[in-house]
Amino acid sequence: MLKDLFPDQDNEELKRFYRKMLKTLHPDLGGDKEEFLKFLAWYNDQRAKDKSLKAEVVKSLPSQGNYVYRCEEFTLEEILTLKQKTLLLPLDKKCPDCDGTGYDRCKSQVCGYCLGTGLIETLSTRSEGKVYVPCPFCGGRGRVHKIICSTCLGRGTIRDELRVVVDLPLGLEEGDYLYLPKDRFNLPQDVYVEVVIKDHPNFKRNGKDLILEHSVSVWELLLSDFIEVPTLEGPERLATSDLRTSQNIVLKSRGLYYYERGDLKRGNLIVKLRVIFPVDLPLEVKECLSLAYETYKRLHQGG
């Protein structure tokens, strides 16, 4: 029931909903105890889900500490529509062929210290005689693994990629860092991902606003009641009557998200129209246009 009541929450909305329901369901305020406990269980579950894939946004890298850094490109669609992003994170893991030693486990060579005997000669501390003890370099085996591992080339580690799915927060800006805590994402190290916003083929960034240059034919403006222009959320219908007096249309709160004094806001989408006029009109079309223009003047003057 609670899921149906509040299906698509973000963190702040969830907190507001919690405070509201607290006043309604709390036993001290006349609510039912069992319903209150069910609500608390649901709320804690939602908080855990909300936190599970959320990366934190920071403005700078830590000056010290052991962490992984990488740079990642994000599209405008990803940062504006809360899409999940799959990140491929570089990861060094222990070489499985040499078990991290850097040397081939299947190939060995004669120990240079005991010359393959596995024993070395030394003087006894109890008598003046000589005794033989296991070679400390090969462990008495007479052979040592000193042939470089062909898989890791002696490093003991190999480079791998880890796929991590991240819920992108609103308000990401160029130069921000997504902080992925290792405990939350089950990573060997903390990860910092620098945000680079990829240039869009149609939408240009101008501060917090987006600018769209859209071509439209003069026929569409004259003969259609509406035209469609693309936005990042899908096509938008604009009345052509609004476009005949101005070639710039401002769609409020359709630009980039940003924070101002802790409040989430959004810039505008500015649509700049480029009217396409026909060239080399046939004589028949010109005559029809001339007749239409005369009719328009007559009706306009008569009105």
C-alpha atoms as a PDB file:
ATOM      1  CA  MET A   1       0.000   0.000   0.000  1.00  0.00           C
ATOM      2  CA  LEU A   2       2.810   2.382   0.890  1.00  0.00           C
ATOM      3  CA  LYS A   3       4.560   1.679  -2.385  1.00  0.00           C
ATOM      4  CA  ASP A   4       1.411   2.634  -4.282  1.00  0.00           C
ATOM      5  CA  LEU A   5       1.008   5.693  -2.104  1.00  0.00           C
ATOM      6  CA  PHE A   6       4.492   6.990  -2.665  1.00  0.00           C
ATOM      7  CA  PRO A   7       6.172   5.220  -5.584  1.00  0.00           C
ATOM      8  CA  ASP A   8       8.740   7.657  -6.991  1.00  0.00           C
ATOM      9  CA  GLN A   9      10.447   9.465  -4.164  1.00  0.00           C
ATOM     10  CA  ASP A  10      13.749  11.287  -4.044  1.00  0.00           C
ATOM     11  CA  ASN A  11      15.591  11.811  -0.777  1.00  0.00           C
ATOM     12  CA  GLU A  12      14.052  15.162   0.153  1.00  0.00           C
ATOM     13  CA  GLU A  13      10.520  14.106  -0.811  1.00  0.00           C
ATOM     14  CA  LEU A  14      10.933  10.935   1.215  1.00  0.00           C
ATOM     15  CA  LYS A  15      11.880  12.972   4.291  1.00  0.00           C
ATOM     16  CA  ARG A  16       8.892  15.277   3.879  1.00  0.00           C
ATOM     17  CA  PHE A  17       6.592  12.280   3.448  1.00  0.00           C
ATOM     18  CA  TYR A  18       8.086  10.677   6.566  1.00  0.00           C
ATOM     19  CA  ARG A  19       7.434  13.777   8.688  1.00  0.00           C
ATOM     20  CA  LYS A  20       3.883  14.005   7.377  1.00  0.00           C
ATOM     21  CA  MET A  21       3.079  10.361   8.095  1.00  0.00           C
ATOM     22  CA  LEU A  22       4.760  10.562  11.476  1.00  0.00           C
ATOM     23  CA  LYS A  23       2.157  13.073  12.618  1.00  0.00           C
ATOM     24  CA  THR A  24      -0.626  10.823  11.348  1.00  0.00           C
ATOM     25  CA  LEU A  25       0.508   7.370  12.504  1.00  0.00           C
ATOM     26  CA  HIS A  26       2.500   7.963  15.699  1.00  0.00           C
ATOM     27  CA  PRO A  27       0.775   6.242  18.685  1.00  0.00           C
ATOM     28  CA  ASP A  28       1.405   9.269  20.905  1.00  0.00           C
ATOM     29  CA  LEU A  29      -0.662  11.306  18.458  1.00  0.00           C
ATOM     30  CA  GLY A  30      -3.536   8.866  18.292  1.00  0.00           C
ATOM     31  CA  GLY A  31      -2.239   6.545  15.576  1.00  0.00           C
ATOM     32  CA  ASP A  32      -2.276   2.760  15.477  1.00  0.00           C
ATOM     33  CA  LYS A  33       0.916   1.170  16.829  1.00  0.00           C
ATOM     34  CA  GLU A  34       1.024  -1.720  14.347  1.00  0.00           C
ATOM     35  CA  GLU A  35       0.506   0.580  11.365  1.00  0.00           C
ATOM     36  CA  PHE A  36       3.210   2.866  12.730  1.00  0.00           C
ATOM     37  CA  LEU A  37       5.701  -0.012  13.009  1.00  0.00           C
ATOM     38  CA  LYS A  38       4.885  -1.160   9.474  1.00  0.00           C
ATOM     39  CA  PHE A  39       5.487   2.359   8.225  1.00  0.00           C
ATOM     40  CA  LEU A  40       8.848   2.565  10.025  1.00  0.00           C
ATOM     41  CA  ALA A  41       9.936  -0.732   8.445  1.00  0.00           C
ATOM     42  CA  TRP A  42       8.902   0.523   5.000  1.00  0.00           C
ATOM     43  CA  TYR A  43      10.681   3.846   5.515  1.00  0.00           C
ATOM     44  CA  ASN A  44      13.941   2.196   6.578  1.00  0.00           C
ATOM     45  CA  ASP A  45      13.750  -0.099   3.569  1.00  0.00           C
ATOM     46  CA  GLN A  46      13.255   2.875   1.238  1.00  0.00           C
ATOM     47  CA  ARG A  47      16.193   4.694   2.775  1.00  0.00           C
ATOM     48  CA  ALA A  48      18.392   1.640   2.257  1.00  0.00           C
ATOM     49  CA  LYS A  49      17.301   1.366  -1.387  1.00  0.00           C
ATOM     50  CA  ASP A  50      17.828   5.075  -1.925  1.00  0.00           C
ATOM     51  CA  LYS A  51      21.344   4.885  -0.563  1.00  0.00           C
ATOM     52  CA  SER A  52      22.387   1.663  -2.258  1.00  0.00           C
ATOM     53  CA  LEU A  53      23.258   3.066  -5.686  1.00  0.00           C
ATOM     54  CA  LYS A  54      23.533   6.784  -4.940  1.00  0.00           C
ATOM     55  CA  ALA A  55      26.887   8.437  -5.491  1.00  0.00           C
ATOM     56  CA  GLU A  56      27.773  11.550  -3.542  1.00  0.00           C
ATOM     57  CA  VAL A  57      28.719  14.771  -5.333  1.00  0.00           C
ATOM     58  CA  VAL A  58      31.854  16.588  -4.160  1.00  0.00           C
ATOM     59  CA  LYS A  59      33.630  19.603  -5.604  1.00  0.00           C
ATOM     60  CA  SER A  60      37.256  18.532  -5.106  1.00  0.00           C
ATOM     61  CA  LEU A  61      39.440  15.474  -4.653  1.00  0.00           C
ATOM     62  CA  PRO A  62      40.822  14.605  -1.212  1.00  0.00           C
ATOM     63  CA  SER A  63      44.407  15.741  -0.678  1.00  0.00           C
ATOM     64  CA  GLN A  64      45.438  12.333   0.657  1.00  0.00           C
ATOM     65  CA  GLY A  65      44.178   8.802   0.944  1.00  0.00           C
ATOM     66  CA  ASN A  66      44.039   5.657  -1.131  1.00  0.00           C
ATOM     67  CA  TYR A  67      41.423   5.972  -3.862  1.00  0.00           C
ATOM     68  CA  VAL A  68      40.839   5.417  -7.573  1.00  0.00           C
ATOM     69  CA  TYR A  69      40.340   8.396  -9.892  1.00  0.00           C
ATOM     70  CA  ARG A  70      38.937   8.389 -13.378  1.00  0.00           C
ATOM     71  CA  CYS A  71      37.307  10.813 -15.794  1.00  0.00           C
ATOM     72  CA  GLU A  72      33.936  10.007 -17.377  1.00  0.00           C
ATOM     73  CA  GLU A  73      31.819  11.649 -20.068  1.00  0.00           C
ATOM     74  CA  PHE A  74      28.110  12.135 -19.387  1.00  0.00           C
ATOM     75  CA  THR A  75      25.452  13.104 -21.913  1.00  0.00           C
ATOM     76  CA  LEU A  76      22.899  15.840 -21.311  1.00  0.00           C
ATOM     77  CA  GLU A  77      20.151  13.216 -21.381  1.00  0.00           C
ATOM     78  CA  GLU A  78      21.859  11.298 -18.576  1.00  0.00           C
ATOM     79  CA  ILE A  79      22.296  14.249 -16.219  1.00  0.00           C
ATOM     80  CA  LEU A  80      18.824  15.713 -16.897  1.00  0.00           C
ATOM     81  CA  THR A  81      16.623  12.617 -16.836  1.00  0.00           C
ATOM     82  CA  LEU A  82      18.068  10.741 -13.832  1.00  0.00           C
ATOM     83  CA  LYS A  83      19.219   7.832 -15.935  1.00  0.00           C
ATOM     84  CA  GLN A  84      21.399   5.149 -14.428  1.00  0.00           C
ATOM     85  CA  LYS A  85      24.981   5.146 -15.624  1.00  0.00           C
ATOM     86  CA  THR A  86      27.118   2.031 -15.944  1.00  0.00           C
ATOM     87  CA  LEU A  87      30.712   2.901 -15.110  1.00  0.00           C
ATOM     88  CA  LEU A  88      33.641   0.723 -16.113  1.00  0.00           C
ATOM     89  CA  LEU A  89      36.171   1.205 -13.331  1.00  0.00           C
ATOM     90  CA  PRO A  90      39.812   0.126 -13.760  1.00  0.00           C
ATOM     91  CA  LEU A  91      40.824  -2.390 -11.138  1.00  0.00           C
ATOM     92  CA  ASP A  92      44.100  -4.122 -10.309  1.00  0.00           C
ATOM     93  CA  LYS A  93      43.542  -7.641  -9.029  1.00  0.00           C
ATOM     94  CA  LYS A  94      45.893 -10.454  -8.066  1.00  0.00           C
ATOM     95  CA  CYS A  95      47.160 -12.415 -11.026  1.00  0.00           C
ATOM     96  CA  PRO A  96      45.448 -15.838 -10.994  1.00  0.00           C
ATOM     97  CA  ASP A  97      48.323 -17.574 -12.809  1.00  0.00           C
ATOM     98  CA  CYS A  98      51.100 -16.651 -10.383  1.00  0.00           C
ATOM     99  CA  ASP A  99      48.931 -15.971  -7.304  1.00  0.00           C
ATOM    100  CA  GLY A 100      50.417 -12.498  -7.027  1.00  0.00           C
ATOM    101  CA  THR A 101      54.074 -13.550  -6.834  1.00  0.00           C
ATOM    102  CA  GLY A 102      55.004 -12.280 -10.292  1.00  0.00           C
ATOM    103  CA  TYR A 103      56.683 -15.593 -11.138  1.00  0.00           C
ATOM    104  CA  ASP A 104      55.445 -18.568 -13.119  1.00  0.00           C
ATOM    105  CA  ARG A 105      54.278 -21.279 -10.720  1.00  0.00           C
ATOM    106  CA  CYS A 106      54.710 -24.066 -13.285  1.00  0.00           C
ATOM    107  CA  LYS A 107      58.228 -23.206 -14.394  1.00  0.00           C
ATOM    108  CA  SER A 108      61.282 -23.239 -12.135  1.00  0.00           C
ATOM    109  CA  GLN A 109      65.053 -23.052 -12.328  1.00  0.00           C
ATOM    110  CA  VAL A 110      67.953 -24.429 -10.311  1.00  0.00           C
ATOM    111  CA  CYS A 111      68.559 -22.534  -7.095  1.00  0.00           C
ATOM    112  CA  GLY A 112      71.724 -20.511  -7.519  1.00  0.00           C
ATOM    113  CA  TYR A 113      72.521 -20.620  -3.814  1.00  0.00           C
ATOM    114  CA  CYS A 114      72.473 -24.378  -3.142  1.00  0.00           C
ATOM    115  CA  LEU A 115      73.065 -25.313  -6.803  1.00  0.00           C
ATOM    116  CA  GLY A 116      70.065 -27.602  -6.833  1.00  0.00           C
ATOM    117  CA  THR A 117      70.974 -29.728  -3.829  1.00  0.00           C
ATOM    118  CA  GLY A 118      68.413 -28.141  -1.549  1.00  0.00           C
ATOM    119  CA  LEU A 119      71.024 -28.024   1.235  1.00  0.00           C
ATOM    120  CA  ILE A 120      73.733 -25.613   2.278  1.00  0.00           C
ATOM    121  CA  GLU A 121      76.840 -26.312   4.323  1.00  0.00           C
ATOM    122  CA  THR A 122      77.346 -24.512   7.598  1.00  0.00           C
ATOM    123  CA  LEU A 123      79.309 -24.907  10.849  1.00  0.00           C
ATOM    124  CA  SER A 124      77.612 -26.454  13.842  1.00  0.00           C
ATOM    125  CA  THR A 125      77.361 -24.341  16.957  1.00  0.00           C
ATOM    126  CA  ARG A 126      77.776 -27.443  19.136  1.00  0.00           C
ATOM    127  CA  SER A 127      80.777 -28.989  17.454  1.00  0.00           C
ATOM    128  CA  GLU A 128      83.500 -28.074  15.034  1.00  0.00           C
ATOM    129  CA  GLY A 129      82.018 -30.316  12.363  1.00  0.00           C
ATOM    130  CA  LYS A 130      80.070 -29.297   9.345  1.00  0.00           C
ATOM    131  CA  VAL A 131      76.303 -29.730   9.065  1.00  0.00           C
ATOM    132  CA  TYR A 132      73.852 -29.385   6.223  1.00  0.00           C
ATOM    133  CA  VAL A 133      70.604 -27.456   6.564  1.00  0.00           C
ATOM    134  CA  PRO A 134      67.764 -26.768   4.108  1.00  0.00           C
ATOM    135  CA  CYS A 135      68.523 -23.919   1.754  1.00  0.00           C
ATOM    136  CA  PRO A 136      66.634 -20.798   2.929  1.00  0.00           C
ATOM    137  CA  PHE A 137      66.259 -19.502  -0.615  1.00  0.00           C
ATOM    138  CA  CYS A 138      64.505 -22.484  -2.174  1.00  0.00           C
ATOM    139  CA  GLY A 139      63.115 -24.032   1.018  1.00  0.00           C
ATOM    140  CA  GLY A 140      65.148 -27.208   0.455  1.00  0.00           C
ATOM    141  CA  ARG A 141      63.527 -27.903  -2.920  1.00  0.00           C
ATOM    142  CA  GLY A 142      66.631 -27.159  -4.980  1.00  0.00           C
ATOM    143  CA  ARG A 143      64.634 -25.155  -7.469  1.00  0.00           C
ATOM    144  CA  VAL A 144      63.160 -21.686  -7.360  1.00  0.00           C
ATOM    145  CA  HIS A 145      60.344 -19.970  -9.251  1.00  0.00           C
ATOM    146  CA  LYS A 146      62.136 -17.034 -10.818  1.00  0.00           C
ATOM    147  CA  ILE A 147      60.756 -17.171 -14.338  1.00  0.00           C
ATOM    148  CA  ILE A 148      58.619 -14.083 -14.913  1.00  0.00           C
ATOM    149  CA  CYS A 149      54.886 -14.747 -15.203  1.00  0.00           C
ATOM    150  CA  SER A 150      53.811 -14.238 -18.798  1.00  0.00           C
ATOM    151  CA  THR A 151      50.326 -13.123 -17.761  1.00  0.00           C
ATOM    152  CA  CYS A 152      51.183 -10.220 -15.464  1.00  0.00           C
ATOM    153  CA  LEU A 153      54.799  -9.729 -16.683  1.00  0.00           C
ATOM    154  CA  GLY A 154      56.099  -9.890 -13.150  1.00  0.00           C
ATOM    155  CA  ARG A 155      53.804  -7.296 -11.627  1.00  0.00           C
ATOM    156  CA  GLY A 156      51.762  -9.780  -9.627  1.00  0.00           C
ATOM    157  CA  THR A 157      48.549  -7.983 -10.633  1.00  0.00           C
ATOM    158  CA  ILE A 158      46.493  -7.713 -13.796  1.00  0.00           C
ATOM    159  CA  ARG A 159      44.285  -4.865 -14.961  1.00  0.00           C
ATOM    160  CA  ASP A 160      40.591  -5.604 -14.985  1.00  0.00           C
ATOM    161  CA  GLU A 161      37.374  -3.598 -15.307  1.00  0.00           C
ATOM    162  CA  LEU A 162      34.555  -3.557 -12.794  1.00  0.00           C
ATOM    163  CA  ARG A 163      31.048  -2.647 -13.926  1.00  0.00           C
ATOM    164  CA  VAL A 164      29.229  -0.424 -11.433  1.00  0.00           C
ATOM    165  CA  VAL A 165      25.683   0.892 -11.937  1.00  0.00           C
ATOM    166  CA  VAL A 166      25.143   4.346 -10.402  1.00  0.00           C
ATOM    167  CA  ASP A 167      21.972   6.393  -9.930  1.00  0.00           C
ATOM    168  CA  LEU A 168      22.898   9.871 -11.156  1.00  0.00           C
ATOM    169  CA  PRO A 169      21.833  12.738  -8.866  1.00  0.00           C
ATOM    170  CA  LEU A 170      20.273  15.922 -10.192  1.00  0.00           C
ATOM    171  CA  GLY A 171      22.376  19.047 -10.456  1.00  0.00           C
ATOM    172  CA  LEU A 172      25.575  17.511 -11.853  1.00  0.00           C
ATOM    173  CA  GLU A 173      27.897  20.152 -13.260  1.00  0.00           C
ATOM    174  CA  GLU A 174      31.063  20.059 -15.321  1.00  0.00           C
ATOM    175  CA  GLY A 175      34.008  19.468 -12.999  1.00  0.00           C
ATOM    176  CA  ASP A 176      32.011  17.815 -10.204  1.00  0.00           C
ATOM    177  CA  TYR A 177      33.237  14.537  -8.764  1.00  0.00           C
ATOM    178  CA  LEU A 178      31.046  11.525  -8.115  1.00  0.00           C
ATOM    179  CA  TYR A 179      32.238   9.884  -4.916  1.00  0.00           C
ATOM    180  CA  LEU A 180      31.606   6.133  -4.751  1.00  0.00           C
ATOM    181  CA  PRO A 181      32.312   4.868  -1.210  1.00  0.00           C
ATOM    182  CA  LYS A 182      33.847   1.406  -1.289  1.00  0.00           C
ATOM    183  CA  ASP A 183      31.533   0.012   1.407  1.00  0.00           C
ATOM    184  CA  ARG A 184      28.360   1.176  -0.337  1.00  0.00           C
ATOM    185  CA  PHE A 185      29.342  -0.093  -3.779  1.00  0.00           C
ATOM    186  CA  ASN A 186      31.340  -3.136  -2.639  1.00  0.00           C
ATOM    187  CA  LEU A 187      34.573  -1.853  -4.162  1.00  0.00           C
ATOM    188  CA  PRO A 188      38.163  -2.556  -3.115  1.00  0.00           C
ATOM    189  CA  GLN A 189      38.833   1.201  -2.904  1.00  0.00           C
ATOM    190  CA  ASP A 190      36.931   4.480  -2.832  1.00  0.00           C
ATOM    191  CA  VAL A 191      36.375   5.843  -6.341  1.00  0.00           C
ATOM    192  CA  TYR A 192      36.168   9.453  -7.530  1.00  0.00           C
ATOM    193  CA  VAL A 193      34.759  10.041 -11.019  1.00  0.00           C
ATOM    194  CA  GLU A 194      35.254  13.482 -12.552  1.00  0.00           C
ATOM    195  CA  VAL A 195      32.218  14.664 -14.514  1.00  0.00           C
ATOM    196  CA  VAL A 196      32.735  15.811 -18.091  1.00  0.00           C
ATOM    197  CA  ILE A 197      29.555  16.809 -19.949  1.00  0.00           C
ATOM    198  CA  LYS A 198      29.651  15.689 -23.560  1.00  0.00           C
ATOM    199  CA  ASP A 199      28.741  18.229 -26.221  1.00  0.00           C
ATOM    200  CA  HIS A 200      25.301  17.614 -27.690  1.00  0.00           C
ATOM    201  CA  PRO A 201      24.811  17.820 -31.469  1.00  0.00           C
ATOM    202  CA  ASN A 202      21.633  19.930 -31.086  1.00  0.00           C
ATOM    203  CA  PHE A 203      21.652  21.562 -27.656  1.00  0.00           C
ATOM    204  CA  LYS A 204      24.325  24.067 -26.650  1.00  0.00           C
ATOM    205  CA  ARG A 205      25.076  24.964 -23.051  1.00  0.00           C
ATOM    206  CA  ASN A 206      25.068  28.608 -22.008  1.00  0.00           C
ATOM    207  CA  GLY A 207      25.547  28.736 -18.254  1.00  0.00           C
ATOM    208  CA  LYS A 208      22.454  27.085 -16.772  1.00  0.00           C
ATOM    209  CA  ASP A 209      20.443  27.509 -19.991  1.00  0.00           C
ATOM    210  CA  LEU A 210      20.263  25.306 -23.049  1.00  0.00           C
ATOM    211  CA  ILE A 211      20.078  26.766 -26.551  1.00  0.00           C
ATOM    212  CA  LEU A 212      18.440  24.954 -29.452  1.00  0.00           C
ATOM    213  CA  GLU A 213      18.753  26.229 -33.000  1.00  0.00           C
ATOM    214  CA  HIS A 214      15.812  24.839 -34.923  1.00  0.00           C
ATOM    215  CA  SER A 215      15.044  25.249 -38.597  1.00  0.00           C
ATOM    216  CA  VAL A 216      11.466  25.698 -39.744  1.00  0.00           C
ATOM    217  CA  SER A 217      10.095  26.415 -43.179  1.00  0.00           C
ATOM    218  CA  VAL A 218       8.050  29.514 -43.862  1.00  0.00           C
ATOM    219  CA  TRP A 219       5.254  27.219 -45.041  1.00  0.00           C
ATOM    220  CA  GLU A 220       5.023  25.610 -41.608  1.00  0.00           C
ATOM    221  CA  LEU A 221       4.804  28.993 -39.932  1.00  0.00           C
ATOM    222  CA  LEU A 222       2.103  30.203 -42.300  1.00  0.00           C
ATOM    223  CA  LEU A 223      -0.010  27.097 -42.779  1.00  0.00           C
ATOM    224  CA  SER A 224       0.314  25.096 -39.546  1.00  0.00           C
ATOM    225  CA  ASP A 225      -1.181  25.889 -36.164  1.00  0.00           C
ATOM    226  CA  PHE A 226       1.640  24.092 -34.335  1.00  0.00           C
ATOM    227  CA  ILE A 227       5.183  22.940 -34.946  1.00  0.00           C
ATOM    228  CA  GLU A 228       7.181  20.385 -32.982  1.00  0.00           C
ATOM    229  CA  VAL A 229      10.622  21.157 -31.596  1.00  0.00           C
ATOM    230  CA  PRO A 230      12.850  18.572 -29.913  1.00  0.00           C
ATOM    231  CA  THR A 231      13.639  18.807 -26.206  1.00  0.00           C
ATOM    232  CA  LEU A 232      15.635  16.442 -24.023  1.00  0.00           C
ATOM    233  CA  GLU A 233      12.370  15.180 -22.531  1.00  0.00           C
ATOM    234  CA  GLY A 234      10.721  14.617 -25.906  1.00  0.00           C
ATOM    235  CA  PRO A 235       9.006  16.680 -28.648  1.00  0.00           C
ATOM    236  CA  GLU A 236       7.343  19.940 -27.607  1.00  0.00           C
ATOM    237  CA  ARG A 237       4.440  21.522 -29.533  1.00  0.00           C
ATOM    238  CA  LEU A 238       4.651  25.275 -30.015  1.00  0.00           C
ATOM    239  CA  ALA A 239       1.884  27.450 -31.392  1.00  0.00           C
ATOM    240  CA  THR A 240       2.985  29.080 -34.635  1.00  0.00           C
ATOM    241  CA  SER A 241       1.072  32.218 -33.668  1.00  0.00           C
ATOM    242  CA  ASP A 242       3.672  32.759 -30.926  1.00  0.00           C
ATOM    243  CA  LEU A 243       6.540  32.278 -33.364  1.00  0.00           C
ATOM    244  CA  ARG A 244       5.536  34.840 -35.980  1.00  0.00           C
ATOM    245  CA  THR A 245       6.419  37.786 -33.770  1.00  0.00           C
ATOM    246  CA  SER A 246       9.638  36.479 -32.202  1.00  0.00           C
ATOM    247  CA  GLN A 247      12.280  34.078 -33.409  1.00  0.00           C
ATOM    248  CA  ASN A 248      13.402  33.260 -29.854  1.00  0.00           C
ATOM    249  CA  ILE A 249      11.103  31.235 -27.613  1.00  0.00           C
ATOM    250  CA  VAL A 250      11.978  30.621 -23.958  1.00  0.00           C
ATOM    251  CA  LEU A 251      10.726  27.401 -22.380  1.00  0.00           C
ATOM    252  CA  LYS A 252      10.934  27.970 -18.649  1.00  0.00           C
ATOM    253  CA  SER A 253      12.684  25.403 -16.424  1.00  0.00           C
ATOM    254  CA  ARG A 254      13.748  23.155 -19.296  1.00  0.00           C
ATOM    255  CA  GLY A 255      17.491  23.752 -19.025  1.00  0.00           C
ATOM    256  CA  LEU A 256      20.203  22.436 -16.697  1.00  0.00           C
ATOM    257  CA  TYR A 257      19.591  21.624 -13.051  1.00  0.00           C
ATOM    258  CA  TYR A 258      21.657  23.505 -10.474  1.00  0.00           C
ATOM    259  CA  TYR A 259      21.682  24.292  -6.785  1.00  0.00           C
ATOM    260  CA  GLU A 260      21.348  27.821  -5.453  1.00  0.00           C
ATOM    261  CA  ARG A 261      21.586  28.309  -1.706  1.00  0.00           C
ATOM    262  CA  GLY A 262      20.677  24.677  -1.181  1.00  0.00           C
ATOM    263  CA  ASP A 263      17.584  24.785  -3.412  1.00  0.00           C
ATOM    264  CA  LEU A 264      17.424  22.758  -6.620  1.00  0.00           C
ATOM    265  CA  LYS A 265      16.575  24.961  -9.597  1.00  0.00           C
ATOM    266  CA  ARG A 266      16.608  24.640 -13.354  1.00  0.00           C
ATOM    267  CA  GLY A 267      17.603  26.934 -16.197  1.00  0.00           C
ATOM    268  CA  ASN A 268      15.640  27.615 -19.372  1.00  0.00           C
ATOM    269  CA  LEU A 269      15.594  26.177 -22.863  1.00  0.00           C
ATOM    270  CA  ILE A 270      15.940  28.929 -25.457  1.00  0.00           C
ATOM    271  CA  VAL A 271      14.677  27.923 -28.905  1.00  0.00           C
ATOM    272  CA  LYS A 272      16.195  30.019 -31.692  1.00  0.00           C
ATOM    273  CA  LEU A 273      14.239  29.601 -34.896  1.00  0.00           C
ATOM    274  CA  ARG A 274      15.854  29.792 -38.294  1.00  0.00           C
ATOM    275  CA  VAL A 275      13.173  30.377 -40.909  1.00  0.00           C
ATOM    276  CA  ILE A 276      13.889  28.667 -44.237  1.00  0.00           C
ATOM    277  CA  PHE A 277      12.555  30.524 -47.270  1.00  0.00           C
ATOM    278  CA  PRO A 278      12.151  28.752 -50.615  1.00  0.00           C
ATOM    279  CA  VAL A 279      14.349  29.683 -53.550  1.00  0.00           C
ATOM    280  CA  ASP A 280      13.594  29.628 -57.273  1.00  0.00           C
ATOM    281  CA  LEU A 281       9.828  29.618 -56.915  1.00  0.00           C
ATOM    282  CA  PRO A 282       8.011  28.466 -60.038  1.00  0.00           C
ATOM    283  CA  LEU A 283       5.848  31.075 -61.745  1.00  0.00           C
ATOM    284  CA  GLU A 284       2.666  29.193 -60.878  1.00  0.00           C
ATOM    285  CA  VAL A 285       3.562  29.271 -57.159  1.00  0.00           C
ATOM    286  CA  LYS A 286       4.341  32.979 -57.333  1.00  0.00           C
ATOM    287  CA  GLU A 287       0.968  33.667 -58.923  1.00  0.00           C
ATOM    288  CA  CYS A 288      -0.795  31.665 -56.193  1.00  0.00           C
ATOM    289  CA  LEU A 289       1.127  33.557 -53.513  1.00  0.00           C
ATOM    290  CA  SER A 290       0.286  36.885 -55.108  1.00  0.00           C
ATOM    291  CA  LEU A 291      -3.390  35.989 -55.200  1.00  0.00           C
ATOM    292  CA  ALA A 292      -3.236  34.790 -51.560  1.00  0.00           C
ATOM    293  CA  TYR A 293      -1.558  38.025 -50.512  1.00  0.00           C
ATOM    294  CA  GLU A 294      -4.191  40.164 -52.217  1.00  0.00           C
ATOM    295  CA  THR A 295      -6.923  38.103 -50.561  1.00  0.00           C
ATOM    296  CA  TYR A 296      -5.210  38.527 -47.185  1.00  0.00           C
ATOM    297  CA  LYS A 297      -4.957  42.322 -47.594  1.00  0.00           C
ATOM    298  CA  ARG A 298      -8.568  42.561 -48.588  1.00  0.00           C
ATOM    299  CA  LEU A 299      -9.779  40.515 -45.642  1.00  0.00           C
ATOM    300  CA  HIS A 300      -7.454  42.270 -43.246  1.00  0.00           C
ATOM    301  CA  GLN A 301      -8.524  45.735 -44.380  1.00  0.00           C
ATOM    302  CA  GLY A 302     -12.141  44.687 -44.342  1.00  0.00           C
ATOM    303  CA  GLY A 303     -11.821  43.421 -40.764  1.00  0.00           C
END
